[in-house]
Amino acid sequence: MNTASYELLAASSDVLNVFAAFVGGLVIAGGLIWAVRLGISVRSTESDRPRADEHPKLPESGAVHEMREMREPDEMPHAAVESERLMPYELHHAGSKRREDQNRRRWDPGSSGSFGSGGLGHT
């Protein structure tokens, strides 16, 4: 083979690469157009958005207010017999319960300090 035939093969392979990229781009563009048309048809079958008068409104009493309470861990109930297993309806609904004493612990000067602060700690 001579140099001219190598140049011809390289040129033909470049043409094939460009043609393959062009066809691939057409396939991708066609797929995107199909996806947009499908989305439009699906959206046209959905129900309309709610009007302004159909949106939820605040109750007459106003907004719900936050409630603060002190909580404590709720212990896991024990089965009556060791071999008996507890059923889900026998468990409590939360991992904590309302503490009977709702007084918050207050900071007592001299009784605490952050770690490494040089304070005396609990006295």
PDB file of N, CA and C in Angstrom:
ATOM      1  N   MET A   1       0.847  -1.182   0.000  1.00  0.00           N
ATOM      2  CA  MET A   1       0.000   0.000   0.000  1.00  0.00           C
ATOM      3  C   MET A   1       0.884   1.234   0.000  1.00  0.00           C
ATOM      4  N   ASN A   2       0.400   2.225  -0.679  1.00  0.00           N
ATOM      5  CA  ASN A   2       1.170   3.463  -0.722  1.00  0.00           C
ATOM      6  C   ASN A   2       0.514   4.520   0.154  1.00  0.00           C
ATOM      7  N   THR A   3       1.135   5.660   0.227  1.00  0.00           N
ATOM      8  CA  THR A   3       0.670   6.743   1.088  1.00  0.00           C
ATOM      9  C   THR A   3      -0.703   7.252   0.670  1.00  0.00           C
ATOM     10  N   ALA A   4      -0.982   7.251  -0.591  1.00  0.00           N
ATOM     11  CA  ALA A   4      -2.265   7.756  -1.084  1.00  0.00           C
ATOM     12  C   ALA A   4      -3.420   6.890  -0.588  1.00  0.00           C
ATOM     13  N   SER A   5      -3.236   5.578  -0.543  1.00  0.00           N
ATOM     14  CA  SER A   5      -4.314   4.699  -0.072  1.00  0.00           C
ATOM     15  C   SER A   5      -4.541   4.865   1.429  1.00  0.00           C
ATOM     16  N   TYR A   6      -3.467   5.101   2.186  1.00  0.00           N
ATOM     17  CA  TYR A   6      -3.641   5.364   3.627  1.00  0.00           C
ATOM     18  C   TYR A   6      -4.407   6.661   3.852  1.00  0.00           C
ATOM     19  N   GLU A   7      -4.096   7.680   3.072  1.00  0.00           N
ATOM     20  CA  GLU A   7      -4.815   8.947   3.201  1.00  0.00           C
ATOM     21  C   GLU A   7      -6.284   8.781   2.837  1.00  0.00           C
ATOM     22  N   LEU A   8      -6.582   7.968   1.854  1.00  0.00           N
ATOM     23  CA  LEU A   8      -7.954   7.715   1.447  1.00  0.00           C
ATOM     24  C   LEU A   8      -8.713   6.971   2.545  1.00  0.00           C
ATOM     25  N   LEU A   9      -8.067   5.973   3.154  1.00  0.00           N
ATOM     26  CA  LEU A   9      -8.710   5.236   4.253  1.00  0.00           C
ATOM     27  C   LEU A   9      -8.946   6.140   5.468  1.00  0.00           C
ATOM     28  N   ALA A  10      -7.987   7.011   5.806  1.00  0.00           N
ATOM     29  CA  ALA A  10      -8.144   7.925   6.937  1.00  0.00           C
ATOM     30  C   ALA A  10      -9.268   8.910   6.665  1.00  0.00           C
ATOM     31  N   ALA A  11      -9.355   9.403   5.415  1.00  0.00           N
ATOM     32  CA  ALA A  11     -10.409  10.350   5.068  1.00  0.00           C
ATOM     33  C   ALA A  11     -11.771   9.683   5.112  1.00  0.00           C
ATOM     34  N   SER A  12     -11.874   8.459   4.655  1.00  0.00           N
ATOM     35  CA  SER A  12     -13.166   7.762   4.667  1.00  0.00           C
ATOM     36  C   SER A  12     -13.590   7.445   6.100  1.00  0.00           C
ATOM     37  N   SER A  13     -12.622   7.133   6.959  1.00  0.00           N
ATOM     38  CA  SER A  13     -12.987   6.859   8.349  1.00  0.00           C
ATOM     39  C   SER A  13     -13.433   8.146   9.046  1.00  0.00           C
ATOM     40  N   ASP A  14     -12.834   9.279   8.691  1.00  0.00           N
ATOM     41  CA  ASP A  14     -13.291  10.556   9.262  1.00  0.00           C
ATOM     42  C   ASP A  14     -14.708  10.868   8.816  1.00  0.00           C
ATOM     43  N   VAL A  15     -15.017  10.607   7.571  1.00  0.00           N
ATOM     44  CA  VAL A  15     -16.364  10.842   7.048  1.00  0.00           C
ATOM     45  C   VAL A  15     -17.365   9.947   7.765  1.00  0.00           C
ATOM     46  N   LEU A  16     -16.994   8.686   7.963  1.00  0.00           N
ATOM     47  CA  LEU A  16     -17.900   7.765   8.676  1.00  0.00           C
ATOM     48  C   LEU A  16     -18.116   8.207  10.125  1.00  0.00           C
ATOM     49  N   ASN A  17     -17.081   8.687  10.787  1.00  0.00           N
ATOM     50  CA  ASN A  17     -17.219   9.157  12.167  1.00  0.00           C
ATOM     51  C   ASN A  17     -18.152  10.359  12.244  1.00  0.00           C
ATOM     52  N   VAL A  18     -17.987  11.298  11.307  1.00  0.00           N
ATOM     53  CA  VAL A  18     -18.861  12.481  11.291  1.00  0.00           C
ATOM     54  C   VAL A  18     -20.293  12.070  11.004  1.00  0.00           C
ATOM     55  N   PHE A  19     -20.483  11.152  10.054  1.00  0.00           N
ATOM     56  CA  PHE A  19     -21.832  10.681   9.726  1.00  0.00           C
ATOM     57  C   PHE A  19     -22.469   9.970  10.916  1.00  0.00           C
ATOM     58  N   ALA A  20     -21.694   9.135  11.617  1.00  0.00           N
ATOM     59  CA  ALA A  20     -22.221   8.421  12.787  1.00  0.00           C
ATOM     60  C   ALA A  20     -22.583   9.398  13.907  1.00  0.00           C
ATOM     61  N   ALA A  21     -21.785  10.433  14.104  1.00  0.00           N
ATOM     62  CA  ALA A  21     -22.101  11.434  15.127  1.00  0.00           C
ATOM     63  C   ALA A  21     -23.361  12.203  14.758  1.00  0.00           C
ATOM     64  N   PHE A  22     -23.525  12.504  13.469  1.00  0.00           N
ATOM     65  CA  PHE A  22     -24.718  13.216  13.015  1.00  0.00           C
ATOM     66  C   PHE A  22     -25.970  12.371  13.221  1.00  0.00           C
ATOM     67  N   VAL A  23     -25.897  11.098  12.860  1.00  0.00           N
ATOM     68  CA  VAL A  23     -27.045  10.198  13.037  1.00  0.00           C
ATOM     69  C   VAL A  23     -27.349  10.024  14.525  1.00  0.00           C
ATOM     70  N   GLY A  24     -26.306   9.892  15.334  1.00  0.00           N
ATOM     71  CA  GLY A  24     -26.525   9.781  16.785  1.00  0.00           C
ATOM     72  C   GLY A  24     -27.195  11.028  17.338  1.00  0.00           C
ATOM     73  N   GLY A  25     -26.792  12.196  16.879  1.00  0.00           N
ATOM     74  CA  GLY A  25     -27.423  13.443  17.317  1.00  0.00           C
ATOM     75  C   GLY A  25     -28.873  13.506  16.911  1.00  0.00           C
ATOM     76  N   LEU A  26     -29.193  13.029  15.703  1.00  0.00           N
ATOM     77  CA  LEU A  26     -30.599  13.003  15.262  1.00  0.00           C
ATOM     78  C   LEU A  26     -31.431  12.067  16.131  1.00  0.00           C
ATOM     79  N   VAL A  27     -30.862  10.927  16.487  1.00  0.00           N
ATOM     80  CA  VAL A  27     -31.592   9.972  17.338  1.00  0.00           C
ATOM     81  C   VAL A  27     -31.855  10.591  18.712  1.00  0.00           C
ATOM     82  N   ILE A  28     -30.866  11.240  19.274  1.00  0.00           N
ATOM     83  CA  ILE A  28     -31.041  11.869  20.599  1.00  0.00           C
ATOM     84  C   ILE A  28     -32.063  13.002  20.517  1.00  0.00           C
ATOM     85  N   ALA A  29     -31.979  13.837  19.479  1.00  0.00           N
ATOM     86  CA  ALA A  29     -32.938  14.941  19.323  1.00  0.00           C
ATOM     87  C   ALA A  29     -34.346  14.396  19.142  1.00  0.00           C
ATOM     88  N   GLY A  30     -34.491  13.318  18.360  1.00  0.00           N
ATOM     89  CA  GLY A  30     -35.810  12.709  18.181  1.00  0.00           C
ATOM     90  C   GLY A  30     -36.352  12.159  19.493  1.00  0.00           C
ATOM     91  N   GLY A  31     -35.484  11.544  20.281  1.00  0.00           N
ATOM     92  CA  GLY A  31     -35.915  11.036  21.591  1.00  0.00           C
ATOM     93  C   GLY A  31     -36.360  12.148  22.520  1.00  0.00           C
ATOM     94  N   LEU A  32     -35.666  13.270  22.507  1.00  0.00           N
ATOM     95  CA  LEU A  32     -36.057  14.401  23.351  1.00  0.00           C
ATOM     96  C   LEU A  32     -37.393  14.994  22.897  1.00  0.00           C
ATOM     97  N   ILE A  33     -37.574  15.113  21.584  1.00  0.00           N
ATOM     98  CA  ILE A  33     -38.846  15.632  21.080  1.00  0.00           C
ATOM     99  C   ILE A  33     -39.981  14.700  21.470  1.00  0.00           C
ATOM    100  N   TRP A  34     -39.769  13.384  21.348  1.00  0.00           N
ATOM    101  CA  TRP A  34     -40.796  12.420  21.752  1.00  0.00           C
ATOM    102  C   TRP A  34     -41.119  12.546  23.242  1.00  0.00           C
ATOM    103  N   ALA A  35     -40.085  12.716  24.090  1.00  0.00           N
ATOM    104  CA  ALA A  35     -40.300  12.813  25.539  1.00  0.00           C
ATOM    105  C   ALA A  35     -41.100  14.069  25.886  1.00  0.00           C
ATOM    106  N   VAL A  36     -40.824  15.180  25.210  1.00  0.00           N
ATOM    107  CA  VAL A  36     -41.567  16.424  25.482  1.00  0.00           C
ATOM    108  C   VAL A  36     -43.019  16.259  25.058  1.00  0.00           C
ATOM    109  N   ARG A  37     -43.260  15.662  23.912  1.00  0.00           N
ATOM    110  CA  ARG A  37     -44.643  15.464  23.450  1.00  0.00           C
ATOM    111  C   ARG A  37     -45.398  14.528  24.391  1.00  0.00           C
ATOM    112  N   LEU A  38     -44.715  13.482  24.869  1.00  0.00           N
ATOM    113  CA  LEU A  38     -45.352  12.574  25.822  1.00  0.00           C
ATOM    114  C   LEU A  38     -45.697  13.315  27.114  1.00  0.00           C
ATOM    115  N   GLY A  39     -44.776  14.147  27.612  1.00  0.00           N
ATOM    116  CA  GLY A  39     -45.048  14.920  28.825  1.00  0.00           C
ATOM    117  C   GLY A  39     -46.217  15.870  28.659  1.00  0.00           C
ATOM    118  N   ILE A  40     -46.326  16.489  27.502  1.00  0.00           N
ATOM    119  CA  ILE A  40     -47.440  17.403  27.241  1.00  0.00           C
ATOM    120  C   ILE A  40     -48.753  16.642  27.225  1.00  0.00           C
ATOM    121  N   SER A  41     -48.765  15.461  26.599  1.00  0.00           N
ATOM    122  CA  SER A  41     -50.010  14.692  26.549  1.00  0.00           C
ATOM    123  C   SER A  41     -50.406  14.180  27.931  1.00  0.00           C
ATOM    124  N   VAL A  42     -49.434  13.774  28.743  1.00  0.00           N
ATOM    125  CA  VAL A  42     -49.752  13.309  30.103  1.00  0.00           C
ATOM    126  C   VAL A  42     -50.279  14.464  30.942  1.00  0.00           C
ATOM    127  N   ARG A  43     -49.658  15.631  30.811  1.00  0.00           N
ATOM    128  CA  ARG A  43     -50.086  16.793  31.601  1.00  0.00           C
ATOM    129  C   ARG A  43     -51.480  17.254  31.204  1.00  0.00           C
ATOM    130  N   SER A  44     -51.853  17.085  29.939  1.00  0.00           N
ATOM    131  CA  SER A  44     -53.186  17.507  29.505  1.00  0.00           C
ATOM    132  C   SER A  44     -54.272  16.612  30.081  1.00  0.00           C
ATOM    133  N   THR A  45     -53.935  15.366  30.452  1.00  0.00           N
ATOM    134  CA  THR A  45     -54.940  14.469  31.033  1.00  0.00           C
ATOM    135  C   THR A  45     -55.084  14.654  32.544  1.00  0.00           C
ATOM    136  N   GLU A  46     -54.157  15.368  33.190  1.00  0.00           N
ATOM    137  CA  GLU A  46     -54.228  15.567  34.638  1.00  0.00           C
ATOM    138  C   GLU A  46     -55.294  16.608  34.971  1.00  0.00           C
ATOM    139  N   SER A  47     -55.747  16.594  36.225  1.00  0.00           N
ATOM    140  CA  SER A  47     -56.738  17.573  36.662  1.00  0.00           C
ATOM    141  C   SER A  47     -56.089  18.955  36.771  1.00  0.00           C
ATOM    142  N   ASP A  48     -56.945  19.973  36.721  1.00  0.00           N
ATOM    143  CA  ASP A  48     -56.452  21.350  36.767  1.00  0.00           C
ATOM    144  C   ASP A  48     -55.919  21.694  38.145  1.00  0.00           C
ATOM    145  N   ARG A  49     -55.105  22.750  38.184  1.00  0.00           N
ATOM    146  CA  ARG A  49     -54.599  23.239  39.472  1.00  0.00           C
ATOM    147  C   ARG A  49     -55.746  23.830  40.282  1.00  0.00           C
ATOM    148  N   PRO A  50     -55.619  23.809  41.619  1.00  0.00           N
ATOM    149  CA  PRO A  50     -56.690  24.404  42.432  1.00  0.00           C
ATOM    150  C   PRO A  50     -56.716  25.922  42.268  1.00  0.00           C
ATOM    151  N   ARG A  51     -57.927  26.473  42.299  1.00  0.00           N
ATOM    152  CA  ARG A  51     -58.081  27.928  42.214  1.00  0.00           C
ATOM    153  C   ARG A  51     -57.723  28.549  43.557  1.00  0.00           C
ATOM    154  N   ALA A  52     -57.620  29.844  43.603  1.00  0.00           N
ATOM    155  CA  ALA A  52     -57.227  30.544  44.829  1.00  0.00           C
ATOM    156  C   ALA A  52     -58.226  30.295  45.952  1.00  0.00           C
ATOM    157  N   ASP A  53     -59.505  30.203  45.646  1.00  0.00           N
ATOM    158  CA  ASP A  53     -60.501  29.987  46.704  1.00  0.00           C
ATOM    159  C   ASP A  53     -60.536  28.536  47.180  1.00  0.00           C
ATOM    160  N   GLU A  54     -59.868  27.630  46.489  1.00  0.00           N
ATOM    161  CA  GLU A  54     -59.834  26.228  46.890  1.00  0.00           C
ATOM    162  C   GLU A  54     -58.646  25.881  47.776  1.00  0.00           C
ATOM    163  N   HIS A  55     -57.732  26.820  47.985  1.00  0.00           N
ATOM    164  CA  HIS A  55     -56.567  26.552  48.829  1.00  0.00           C
ATOM    165  C   HIS A  55     -56.972  26.541  50.303  1.00  0.00           C
ATOM    166  N   PRO A  56     -56.235  25.809  51.146  1.00  0.00           N
ATOM    167  CA  PRO A  56     -56.567  25.773  52.570  1.00  0.00           C
ATOM    168  C   PRO A  56     -56.393  27.140  53.225  1.00  0.00           C
ATOM    169  N   LYS A  57     -57.177  27.371  54.262  1.00  0.00           N
ATOM    170  CA  LYS A  57     -57.130  28.646  54.967  1.00  0.00           C
ATOM    171  C   LYS A  57     -56.858  28.409  56.452  1.00  0.00           C
ATOM    172  N   LEU A  58     -56.369  29.444  57.142  1.00  0.00           N
ATOM    173  CA  LEU A  58     -56.145  29.348  58.586  1.00  0.00           C
ATOM    174  C   LEU A  58     -57.469  29.172  59.308  1.00  0.00           C
ATOM    175  N   PRO A  59     -57.490  28.450  60.419  1.00  0.00           N
ATOM    176  CA  PRO A  59     -58.729  28.344  61.184  1.00  0.00           C
ATOM    177  C   PRO A  59     -59.104  29.688  61.803  1.00  0.00           C
ATOM    178  N   GLU A  60     -60.345  29.776  62.249  1.00  0.00           N
ATOM    179  CA  GLU A  60     -60.845  31.018  62.860  1.00  0.00           C
ATOM    180  C   GLU A  60     -59.999  31.433  64.061  1.00  0.00           C
ATOM    181  N   SER A  61     -59.474  30.452  64.799  1.00  0.00           N
ATOM    182  CA  SER A  61     -58.702  30.753  66.008  1.00  0.00           C
ATOM    183  C   SER A  61     -57.288  31.216  65.686  1.00  0.00           C
ATOM    184  N   GLY A  62     -56.888  31.151  64.438  1.00  0.00           N
ATOM    185  CA  GLY A  62     -55.547  31.596  64.061  1.00  0.00           C
ATOM    186  C   GLY A  62     -54.595  30.420  63.920  1.00  0.00           C
ATOM    187  N   ALA A  63     -53.329  30.747  63.831  1.00  0.00           N
ATOM    188  CA  ALA A  63     -52.317  29.720  63.624  1.00  0.00           C
ATOM    189  C   ALA A  63     -52.138  28.862  64.876  1.00  0.00           C
ATOM    190  N   VAL A  64     -51.711  27.647  64.683  1.00  0.00           N
ATOM    191  CA  VAL A  64     -51.438  26.745  65.802  1.00  0.00           C
ATOM    192  C   VAL A  64     -50.155  27.213  66.472  1.00  0.00           C
ATOM    193  N   HIS A  65     -50.166  27.235  67.797  1.00  0.00           N
ATOM    194  CA  HIS A  65     -49.004  27.729  68.527  1.00  0.00           C
ATOM    195  C   HIS A  65     -48.163  26.577  69.046  1.00  0.00           C
ATOM    196  N   GLU A  66     -46.898  26.851  69.201  1.00  0.00           N
ATOM    197  CA  GLU A  66     -45.955  25.856  69.687  1.00  0.00           C
ATOM    198  C   GLU A  66     -46.182  25.624  71.174  1.00  0.00           C
ATOM    199  N   MET A  67     -46.020  24.370  71.586  1.00  0.00           N
ATOM    200  CA  MET A  67     -46.166  24.031  72.997  1.00  0.00           C
ATOM    201  C   MET A  67     -44.836  23.482  73.475  1.00  0.00           C
ATOM    202  N   ARG A  68     -44.344  23.968  74.593  1.00  0.00           N
ATOM    203  CA  ARG A  68     -43.083  23.491  75.146  1.00  0.00           C
ATOM    204  C   ARG A  68     -43.381  22.645  76.373  1.00  0.00           C
ATOM    205  N   GLU A  69     -42.717  21.516  76.444  1.00  0.00           N
ATOM    206  CA  GLU A  69     -42.864  20.672  77.620  1.00  0.00           C
ATOM    207  C   GLU A  69     -41.577  19.900  77.827  1.00  0.00           C
ATOM    208  N   MET A  70     -41.356  19.510  79.044  1.00  0.00           N
ATOM    209  CA  MET A  70     -40.190  18.712  79.390  1.00  0.00           C
ATOM    210  C   MET A  70     -40.547  17.245  79.159  1.00  0.00           C
ATOM    211  N   ARG A  71     -39.635  16.503  78.508  1.00  0.00           N
ATOM    212  CA  ARG A  71     -39.861  15.101  78.202  1.00  0.00           C
ATOM    213  C   ARG A  71     -38.840  14.234  78.932  1.00  0.00           C
ATOM    214  N   GLU A  72     -39.164  12.983  79.140  1.00  0.00           N
ATOM    215  CA  GLU A  72     -38.232  12.031  79.738  1.00  0.00           C
ATOM    216  C   GLU A  72     -38.359  10.713  78.983  1.00  0.00           C
ATOM    217  N   PRO A  73     -37.332   9.880  79.034  1.00  0.00           N
ATOM    218  CA  PRO A  73     -37.389   8.618  78.286  1.00  0.00           C
ATOM    219  C   PRO A  73     -38.525   7.723  78.767  1.00  0.00           C
ATOM    220  N   ASP A  74     -39.177   7.090  77.826  1.00  0.00           N
ATOM    221  CA  ASP A  74     -40.242   6.144  78.150  1.00  0.00           C
ATOM    222  C   ASP A  74     -39.640   4.749  78.066  1.00  0.00           C
ATOM    223  N   GLU A  75     -39.601   4.066  79.197  1.00  0.00           N
ATOM    224  CA  GLU A  75     -38.950   2.760  79.256  1.00  0.00           C
ATOM    225  C   GLU A  75     -39.738   1.718  78.466  1.00  0.00           C
ATOM    226  N   MET A  76     -39.025   0.760  77.949  1.00  0.00           N
ATOM    227  CA  MET A  76     -39.624  -0.336  77.201  1.00  0.00           C
ATOM    228  C   MET A  76     -40.373  -1.237  78.172  1.00  0.00           C
ATOM    229  N   PRO A  77     -41.637  -1.564  77.876  1.00  0.00           N
ATOM    230  CA  PRO A  77     -42.376  -2.454  78.785  1.00  0.00           C
ATOM    231  C   PRO A  77     -41.773  -3.860  78.763  1.00  0.00           C
ATOM    232  N   HIS A  78     -41.882  -4.549  79.877  1.00  0.00           N
ATOM    233  CA  HIS A  78     -41.355  -5.905  79.999  1.00  0.00           C
ATOM    234  C   HIS A  78     -42.497  -6.902  79.850  1.00  0.00           C
ATOM    235  N   ALA A  79     -42.199  -8.019  79.237  1.00  0.00           N
ATOM    236  CA  ALA A  79     -43.191  -9.079  79.081  1.00  0.00           C
ATOM    237  C   ALA A  79     -43.437  -9.736  80.429  1.00  0.00           C
ATOM    238  N   ALA A  80     -44.621 -10.283  80.592  1.00  0.00           N
ATOM    239  CA  ALA A  80     -44.971 -10.929  81.853  1.00  0.00           C
ATOM    240  C   ALA A  80     -44.112 -12.173  82.075  1.00  0.00           C
ATOM    241  N   VAL A  81     -43.866 -12.909  81.023  1.00  0.00           N
ATOM    242  CA  VAL A  81     -43.046 -14.106  81.093  1.00  0.00           C
ATOM    243  C   VAL A  81     -41.841 -13.881  80.192  1.00  0.00           C
ATOM    244  N   GLU A  82     -40.671 -14.346  80.619  1.00  0.00           N
ATOM    245  CA  GLU A  82     -39.441 -14.112  79.855  1.00  0.00           C
ATOM    246  C   GLU A  82     -39.543 -14.625  78.431  1.00  0.00           C
ATOM    247  N   SER A  83     -40.187 -15.794  78.214  1.00  0.00           N
ATOM    248  CA  SER A  83     -40.239 -16.379  76.876  1.00  0.00           C
ATOM    249  C   SER A  83     -41.306 -15.726  76.000  1.00  0.00           C
ATOM    250  N   GLU A  84     -42.193 -14.951  76.594  1.00  0.00           N
ATOM    251  CA  GLU A  84     -43.260 -14.311  75.830  1.00  0.00           C
ATOM    252  C   GLU A  84     -42.703 -13.077  75.122  1.00  0.00           C
ATOM    253  N   ARG A  85     -43.115 -12.859  73.894  1.00  0.00           N
ATOM    254  CA  ARG A  85     -42.645 -11.672  73.184  1.00  0.00           C
ATOM    255  C   ARG A  85     -43.740 -10.618  73.151  1.00  0.00           C
ATOM    256  N   LEU A  86     -43.318  -9.367  73.099  1.00  0.00           N
ATOM    257  CA  LEU A  86     -44.272  -8.264  73.051  1.00  0.00           C
ATOM    258  C   LEU A  86     -44.749  -8.037  71.621  1.00  0.00           C
ATOM    259  N   MET A  87     -46.017  -7.738  71.481  1.00  0.00           N
ATOM    260  CA  MET A  87     -46.590  -7.445  70.173  1.00  0.00           C
ATOM    261  C   MET A  87     -46.522  -5.939  69.936  1.00  0.00           C
ATOM    262  N   PRO A  88     -46.576  -5.501  68.695  1.00  0.00           N
ATOM    263  CA  PRO A  88     -46.460  -4.074  68.404  1.00  0.00           C
ATOM    264  C   PRO A  88     -47.504  -3.207  69.111  1.00  0.00           C
ATOM    265  N   TYR A  89     -48.715  -3.709  69.281  1.00  0.00           N
ATOM    266  CA  TYR A  89     -49.751  -2.916  69.943  1.00  0.00           C
ATOM    267  C   TYR A  89     -49.515  -2.792  71.450  1.00  0.00           C
ATOM    268  N   GLU A  90     -48.583  -3.570  72.006  1.00  0.00           N
ATOM    269  CA  GLU A  90     -48.267  -3.477  73.432  1.00  0.00           C
ATOM    270  C   GLU A  90     -47.172  -2.450  73.713  1.00  0.00           C
ATOM    271  N   LEU A  91     -46.526  -1.944  72.655  1.00  0.00           N
ATOM    272  CA  LEU A  91     -45.466  -0.957  72.822  1.00  0.00           C
ATOM    273  C   LEU A  91     -46.050   0.444  72.850  1.00  0.00           C
ATOM    274  N   HIS A  92     -45.291   1.375  73.382  1.00  0.00           N
ATOM    275  CA  HIS A  92     -45.735   2.766  73.416  1.00  0.00           C
ATOM    276  C   HIS A  92     -45.495   3.421  72.074  1.00  0.00           C
ATOM    277  N   HIS A  93     -46.236   4.481  71.789  1.00  0.00           N
ATOM    278  CA  HIS A  93     -46.157   5.117  70.481  1.00  0.00           C
ATOM    279  C   HIS A  93     -44.946   6.026  70.317  1.00  0.00           C
ATOM    280  N   ALA A  94     -44.283   6.396  71.384  1.00  0.00           N
ATOM    281  CA  ALA A  94     -43.132   7.294  71.272  1.00  0.00           C
ATOM    282  C   ALA A  94     -42.035   6.831  72.226  1.00  0.00           C
ATOM    283  N   GLY A  95     -40.826   7.302  71.983  1.00  0.00           N
ATOM    284  CA  GLY A  95     -39.705   6.920  72.820  1.00  0.00           C
ATOM    285  C   GLY A  95     -39.568   7.777  74.062  1.00  0.00           C
ATOM    286  N   SER A  96     -40.420   8.792  74.187  1.00  0.00           N
ATOM    287  CA  SER A  96     -40.363   9.647  75.376  1.00  0.00           C
ATOM    288  C   SER A  96     -41.786   9.961  75.820  1.00  0.00           C
ATOM    289  N   LYS A  97     -41.900  10.407  77.042  1.00  0.00           N
ATOM    290  CA  LYS A  97     -43.219  10.765  77.580  1.00  0.00           C
ATOM    291  C   LYS A  97     -43.114  12.095  78.328  1.00  0.00           C
ATOM    292  N   ARG A  98     -44.236  12.695  78.598  1.00  0.00           N
ATOM    293  CA  ARG A  98     -44.273  13.979  79.290  1.00  0.00           C
ATOM    294  C   ARG A  98     -43.819  13.786  80.723  1.00  0.00           C
ATOM    295  N   ARG A  99     -42.893  14.639  81.151  1.00  0.00           N
ATOM    296  CA  ARG A  99     -42.396  14.539  82.512  1.00  0.00           C
ATOM    297  C   ARG A  99     -43.419  15.163  83.458  1.00  0.00           C
ATOM    298  N   GLU A 100     -43.605  14.543  84.605  1.00  0.00           N
ATOM    299  CA  GLU A 100     -44.585  15.058  85.557  1.00  0.00           C
ATOM    300  C   GLU A 100     -44.145  16.397  86.126  1.00  0.00           C
ATOM    301  N   ASP A 101     -42.857  16.546  86.404  1.00  0.00           N
ATOM    302  CA  ASP A 101     -42.327  17.816  86.906  1.00  0.00           C
ATOM    303  C   ASP A 101     -41.912  18.650  85.690  1.00  0.00           C
ATOM    304  N   GLN A 102     -42.659  19.708  85.392  1.00  0.00           N
ATOM    305  CA  GLN A 102     -42.396  20.521  84.208  1.00  0.00           C
ATOM    306  C   GLN A 102     -41.452  21.691  84.484  1.00  0.00           C
ATOM    307  N   ASN A 103     -40.898  21.758  85.700  1.00  0.00           N
ATOM    308  CA  ASN A 103     -39.946  22.829  86.000  1.00  0.00           C
ATOM    309  C   ASN A 103     -38.628  22.542  85.296  1.00  0.00           C
ATOM    310  N   ARG A 104     -38.131  23.522  84.574  1.00  0.00           N
ATOM    311  CA  ARG A 104     -36.872  23.355  83.862  1.00  0.00           C
ATOM    312  C   ARG A 104     -35.710  23.525  84.832  1.00  0.00           C
ATOM    313  N   ARG A 105     -34.663  22.743  84.603  1.00  0.00           N
ATOM    314  CA  ARG A 105     -33.461  22.913  85.413  1.00  0.00           C
ATOM    315  C   ARG A 105     -32.793  24.202  84.983  1.00  0.00           C
ATOM    316  N   ARG A 106     -32.469  25.039  85.934  1.00  0.00           N
ATOM    317  CA  ARG A 106     -31.837  26.320  85.646  1.00  0.00           C
ATOM    318  C   ARG A 106     -30.359  26.251  85.940  1.00  0.00           C
ATOM    319  N   TRP A 107     -29.630  27.134  85.314  1.00  0.00           N
ATOM    320  CA  TRP A 107     -28.204  27.214  85.518  1.00  0.00           C
ATOM    321  C   TRP A 107     -27.932  27.810  86.895  1.00  0.00           C
ATOM    322  N   ASP A 108     -27.068  27.153  87.624  1.00  0.00           N
ATOM    323  CA  ASP A 108     -26.677  27.620  88.945  1.00  0.00           C
ATOM    324  C   ASP A 108     -25.250  28.145  88.833  1.00  0.00           C
ATOM    325  N   PRO A 109     -25.012  29.430  89.123  1.00  0.00           N
ATOM    326  CA  PRO A 109     -23.662  29.979  88.974  1.00  0.00           C
ATOM    327  C   PRO A 109     -22.650  29.163  89.782  1.00  0.00           C
ATOM    328  N   GLY A 110     -21.530  28.828  89.135  1.00  0.00           N
ATOM    329  CA  GLY A 110     -20.477  28.072  89.801  1.00  0.00           C
ATOM    330  C   GLY A 110     -20.683  26.578  89.771  1.00  0.00           C
ATOM    331  N   SER A 111     -21.790  26.118  89.197  1.00  0.00           N
ATOM    332  CA  SER A 111     -22.034  24.678  89.220  1.00  0.00           C
ATOM    333  C   SER A 111     -21.689  24.006  87.902  1.00  0.00           C
ATOM    334  N   SER A 112     -21.310  24.789  86.909  1.00  0.00           N
ATOM    335  CA  SER A 112     -20.993  24.155  85.629  1.00  0.00           C
ATOM    336  C   SER A 112     -20.011  25.018  84.860  1.00  0.00           C
ATOM    337  N   GLY A 113     -19.413  24.437  83.882  1.00  0.00           N
ATOM    338  CA  GLY A 113     -18.510  25.136  82.985  1.00  0.00           C
ATOM    339  C   GLY A 113     -18.191  24.212  81.846  1.00  0.00           C
ATOM    340  N   SER A 114     -17.832  24.775  80.737  1.00  0.00           N
ATOM    341  CA  SER A 114     -17.554  23.906  79.605  1.00  0.00           C
ATOM    342  C   SER A 114     -16.249  23.164  79.840  1.00  0.00           C
ATOM    343  N   PHE A 115     -16.076  22.077  79.130  1.00  0.00           N
ATOM    344  CA  PHE A 115     -14.906  21.228  79.298  1.00  0.00           C
ATOM    345  C   PHE A 115     -13.648  22.020  78.969  1.00  0.00           C
ATOM    346  N   GLY A 116     -12.700  22.021  79.854  1.00  0.00           N
ATOM    347  CA  GLY A 116     -11.433  22.693  79.613  1.00  0.00           C
ATOM    348  C   GLY A 116     -11.454  24.182  79.866  1.00  0.00           C
ATOM    349  N   SER A 117     -12.546  24.690  80.456  1.00  0.00           N
ATOM    350  CA  SER A 117     -12.626  26.140  80.664  1.00  0.00           C
ATOM    351  C   SER A 117     -11.883  26.580  81.910  1.00  0.00           C
ATOM    352  N   GLY A 118     -11.439  25.650  82.706  1.00  0.00           N
ATOM    353  CA  GLY A 118     -10.731  26.010  83.926  1.00  0.00           C
ATOM    354  C   GLY A 118     -11.651  26.236  85.111  1.00  0.00           C
ATOM    355  N   GLY A 119     -12.976  26.025  84.870  1.00  0.00           N
ATOM    356  CA  GLY A 119     -13.928  26.203  85.962  1.00  0.00           C
ATOM    357  C   GLY A 119     -13.814  25.093  86.988  1.00  0.00           C
ATOM    358  N   LEU A 120     -14.456  25.278  88.120  1.00  0.00           N
ATOM    359  CA  LEU A 120     -14.377  24.303  89.196  1.00  0.00           C
ATOM    360  C   LEU A 120     -15.272  23.096  88.928  1.00  0.00           C
ATOM    361  N   GLY A 121     -16.197  23.242  87.981  1.00  0.00           N
ATOM    362  CA  GLY A 121     -17.101  22.131  87.738  1.00  0.00           C
ATOM    363  C   GLY A 121     -18.214  22.127  88.760  1.00  0.00           C
ATOM    364  N   HIS A 122     -18.847  20.988  88.946  1.00  0.00           N
ATOM    365  CA  HIS A 122     -19.973  20.875  89.878  1.00  0.00           C
ATOM    366  C   HIS A 122     -19.457  20.939  91.320  1.00  0.00           C
ATOM    367  N   THR A 123     -20.015  21.888  92.075  1.00  0.00           N
ATOM    368  CA  THR A 123     -19.580  22.031  93.473  1.00  0.00           C
ATOM    369  C   THR A 123     -20.681  21.650  94.422  1.00  0.00           C
TER     370      THR A 123
END
